[in-house]
Protein backbone atom coordinates (compact mmCIF):
# COMPACT_ATOMS: atom_id res chain seq x y z
CA MET A 1 -39.04 38.89 -68.06
CA PHE A 2 -41.93 40.53 -66.22
CA LYS A 3 -43.20 42.56 -69.17
CA LYS A 4 -45.86 40.01 -70.06
CA PHE A 5 -47.53 40.98 -66.76
CA TYR A 6 -47.22 44.76 -67.11
CA PRO A 7 -50.57 46.53 -67.36
CA ASP A 8 -51.21 48.93 -70.22
CA LYS A 9 -52.29 51.47 -67.64
CA TRP A 10 -52.33 51.51 -63.82
CA VAL A 11 -54.74 53.75 -61.90
CA ASP A 12 -55.92 54.16 -58.32
CA SER A 13 -59.50 53.06 -58.92
CA ALA A 14 -62.02 52.04 -61.56
CA TYR A 15 -63.93 55.11 -60.45
CA VAL A 16 -61.26 57.56 -61.65
CA ILE A 17 -61.01 56.25 -65.22
CA ASP A 18 -62.02 58.72 -67.93
CA PHE A 19 -64.61 56.51 -69.59
CA GLU A 20 -65.76 59.29 -71.89
CA GLU A 21 -62.22 59.46 -73.29
CA LEU A 22 -62.27 55.68 -73.80
CA TYR A 23 -65.57 55.98 -75.66
CA GLN A 24 -64.23 58.78 -77.86
CA SER A 25 -61.20 56.59 -78.67
CA GLY A 26 -63.52 53.87 -80.01
CA VAL A 27 -63.92 51.57 -77.02
CA ARG A 28 -67.44 50.11 -76.93
CA GLY A 29 -67.06 47.16 -74.57
CA ILE A 30 -65.72 47.04 -71.04
CA ILE A 31 -64.97 43.81 -69.23
CA PHE A 32 -64.78 44.22 -65.46
CA ASP A 33 -63.52 42.02 -62.69
CA ILE A 34 -65.78 42.41 -59.62
CA ASP A 35 -64.01 41.81 -56.31
CA ASN A 36 -61.61 44.55 -55.25
CA THR A 37 -62.19 46.23 -58.63
CA LEU A 38 -65.78 47.48 -58.32
CA VAL A 39 -66.50 46.59 -54.67
CA PRO A 40 -64.49 45.16 -51.77
CA HIS A 41 -64.13 41.38 -51.89
CA GLY A 42 -67.47 39.61 -51.46
CA PHE A 43 -69.58 42.78 -51.24
CA ASP A 44 -72.85 43.27 -53.12
CA ALA A 45 -73.17 46.08 -55.66
CA ASP A 46 -73.23 49.41 -53.87
CA LYS A 47 -74.53 52.84 -54.86
CA ARG A 48 -71.26 53.82 -56.52
CA SER A 49 -70.96 50.65 -58.64
CA ILE A 50 -74.63 50.81 -59.65
CA GLU A 51 -74.30 54.46 -60.67
CA LEU A 52 -71.13 53.71 -62.65
CA MET A 53 -72.79 50.88 -64.57
CA GLU A 54 -75.82 53.05 -65.35
CA ARG A 55 -73.59 55.90 -66.56
CA LEU A 56 -71.55 53.56 -68.76
CA LYS A 57 -74.68 52.01 -70.29
CA LYS A 58 -76.10 55.49 -71.02
CA THR A 59 -72.81 56.44 -72.67
CA GLY A 60 -73.25 53.47 -75.00
CA PHE A 61 -70.88 50.89 -73.57
CA GLN A 62 -71.57 47.17 -73.49
CA ILE A 63 -70.43 45.76 -70.16
CA CYS A 64 -69.53 42.23 -69.13
CA LEU A 65 -68.43 41.02 -65.71
CA LEU A 66 -65.71 38.38 -65.91
CA SER A 67 -65.13 36.63 -62.61
CA ASN A 68 -63.45 33.49 -61.34
CA ASN A 69 -66.11 33.42 -58.61
CA LYS A 70 -68.98 30.97 -58.50
CA GLN A 71 -72.36 31.63 -60.08
CA GLU A 72 -74.07 32.66 -56.83
CA ARG A 73 -71.51 35.39 -56.11
CA VAL A 74 -71.58 36.88 -59.60
CA GLU A 75 -75.37 36.77 -59.87
CA ARG A 76 -75.72 38.36 -56.42
CA PHE A 77 -73.56 41.30 -57.54
CA ASN A 78 -75.20 41.51 -60.95
CA LYS A 79 -78.81 41.61 -59.71
CA ASP A 80 -78.39 45.36 -59.03
CA VAL A 81 -76.24 46.33 -62.03
CA ASN A 82 -77.88 44.14 -64.68
CA VAL A 83 -75.07 43.62 -67.18
CA LEU A 84 -73.70 40.62 -69.04
CA TYR A 85 -71.58 38.25 -66.98
CA ILE A 86 -69.44 35.15 -67.01
CA TYR A 87 -68.73 33.31 -63.76
CA ASP A 88 -66.14 30.62 -63.07
CA ALA A 89 -64.12 32.25 -65.87
CA HIS A 90 -60.79 30.48 -65.26
CA LYS A 91 -58.80 33.69 -65.77
CA PRO A 92 -56.13 34.01 -67.12
CA SER A 93 -57.44 31.56 -69.74
CA ARG A 94 -58.22 33.43 -72.98
CA LYS A 95 -61.46 31.56 -73.64
CA ASN A 96 -63.84 33.65 -71.55
CA TYR A 97 -62.27 36.99 -72.47
CA GLN A 98 -63.16 36.01 -76.05
CA LYS A 99 -66.63 34.87 -74.98
CA ALA A 100 -67.21 38.22 -73.24
CA MET A 101 -66.37 40.06 -76.47
CA GLU A 102 -68.75 37.80 -78.40
CA LEU A 103 -71.54 38.51 -75.89
CA MET A 104 -70.92 42.26 -76.18
CA GLY A 105 -70.46 42.27 -79.95
CA THR A 106 -67.02 43.84 -79.66
CA ASP A 107 -63.46 42.89 -80.62
CA LEU A 108 -59.91 43.52 -79.42
CA LYS A 109 -59.85 47.02 -80.91
CA THR A 110 -63.07 48.07 -79.17
CA THR A 111 -62.75 46.34 -75.79
CA VAL A 112 -60.83 47.09 -72.61
CA PHE A 113 -60.42 44.94 -69.50
CA ILE A 114 -60.37 46.47 -66.01
CA GLY A 115 -59.26 44.47 -62.96
CA ASP A 116 -57.13 44.48 -59.81
CA GLN A 117 -54.88 41.42 -60.23
CA LEU A 118 -51.83 41.11 -62.45
CA PHE A 119 -51.56 37.33 -62.73
CA THR A 120 -55.20 36.66 -63.54
CA ASP A 121 -56.90 39.82 -64.84
CA VAL A 122 -54.11 41.67 -66.66
CA PHE A 123 -52.19 38.60 -67.80
CA GLY A 124 -55.34 37.05 -69.28
CA ALA A 125 -56.11 40.23 -71.23
CA LYS A 126 -52.50 40.56 -72.39
CA ARG A 127 -52.45 36.96 -73.64
CA LEU A 128 -55.12 38.02 -76.13
CA GLY A 129 -53.64 41.42 -76.91
CA MET A 130 -56.58 43.12 -75.18
CA PRO A 131 -56.05 46.62 -73.81
CA ASN A 132 -56.18 46.55 -70.02
CA ILE A 133 -56.22 48.78 -66.98
CA LEU A 134 -54.98 47.64 -63.60
CA VAL A 135 -56.65 49.23 -60.58
CA LYS A 136 -55.35 49.21 -57.04
CA PRO A 137 -57.26 46.75 -54.83
CA MET A 138 -60.09 48.39 -52.91
CA ASN A 139 -59.63 46.43 -49.70
CA PRO A 140 -56.54 44.70 -48.28
CA LYS A 141 -58.68 41.96 -46.70
CA GLU A 142 -58.49 39.08 -49.19
CA GLU A 143 -58.40 35.31 -49.39
CA ILE A 144 -55.02 33.79 -48.52
CA GLN A 145 -54.19 32.68 -52.08
CA ILE A 146 -54.68 36.25 -53.28
CA VAL A 147 -52.61 37.68 -50.43
CA LEU A 148 -49.73 35.42 -51.47
CA LYS A 149 -50.01 36.55 -55.11
CA ARG A 150 -49.91 40.19 -53.99
CA TYR A 151 -46.33 39.71 -52.78
CA LEU A 152 -45.31 38.59 -56.25
CA GLU A 153 -47.33 41.39 -57.83
CA LYS A 154 -45.43 43.89 -55.70
CA ALA A 155 -42.14 42.76 -57.24
CA VAL A 156 -43.48 42.95 -60.80
CA LEU A 157 -45.00 46.38 -60.19
CA HIS A 158 -41.69 47.60 -58.78
CA PHE A 159 -40.03 46.87 -62.14
CA TYR A 160 -43.05 48.22 -64.02
CA LYS A 161 -42.74 51.56 -62.20
CA ARG A 162 -39.02 51.72 -62.94
CA THR A 163 -39.51 51.16 -66.67
CA SER A 164 -42.67 53.26 -67.06
CA GLY A 165 -41.48 56.21 -65.01
CA GLY A 166 -44.47 55.71 -62.69
């Protein structure tokens, strides 16, 4: 029942992912959520996120930010990382995951999605068959609608852990 929400992989942070291994496996495009994935909710790009984006670009990755946030928020974050982006993405709708791949020139075999929410980020990627990585939220301080979803996520992740041995 919950399997359609299970991430392909679940890690502590976007900053612990072995991106070189992803590149060697053929991944060329990475779609990132922003809030609580790369920086705490509402924060501007920081030194760590800027350095990560620069490292990924040097490795050869195309990068696209995919956010349900408004244009101002996404552009404010992006001004320091300078990657492709889509705001007001309506995740988990498939449309903008597809648009992100088009912008990057990648496809489902060469793209991975990285985000912190099951019911928007991971579910949207899974609806397309896109490989995905769930990261633990960076900061527990979130908007009320997200806090409520986290309770449901906890239940799904409980079953995920039981079936995955994690």
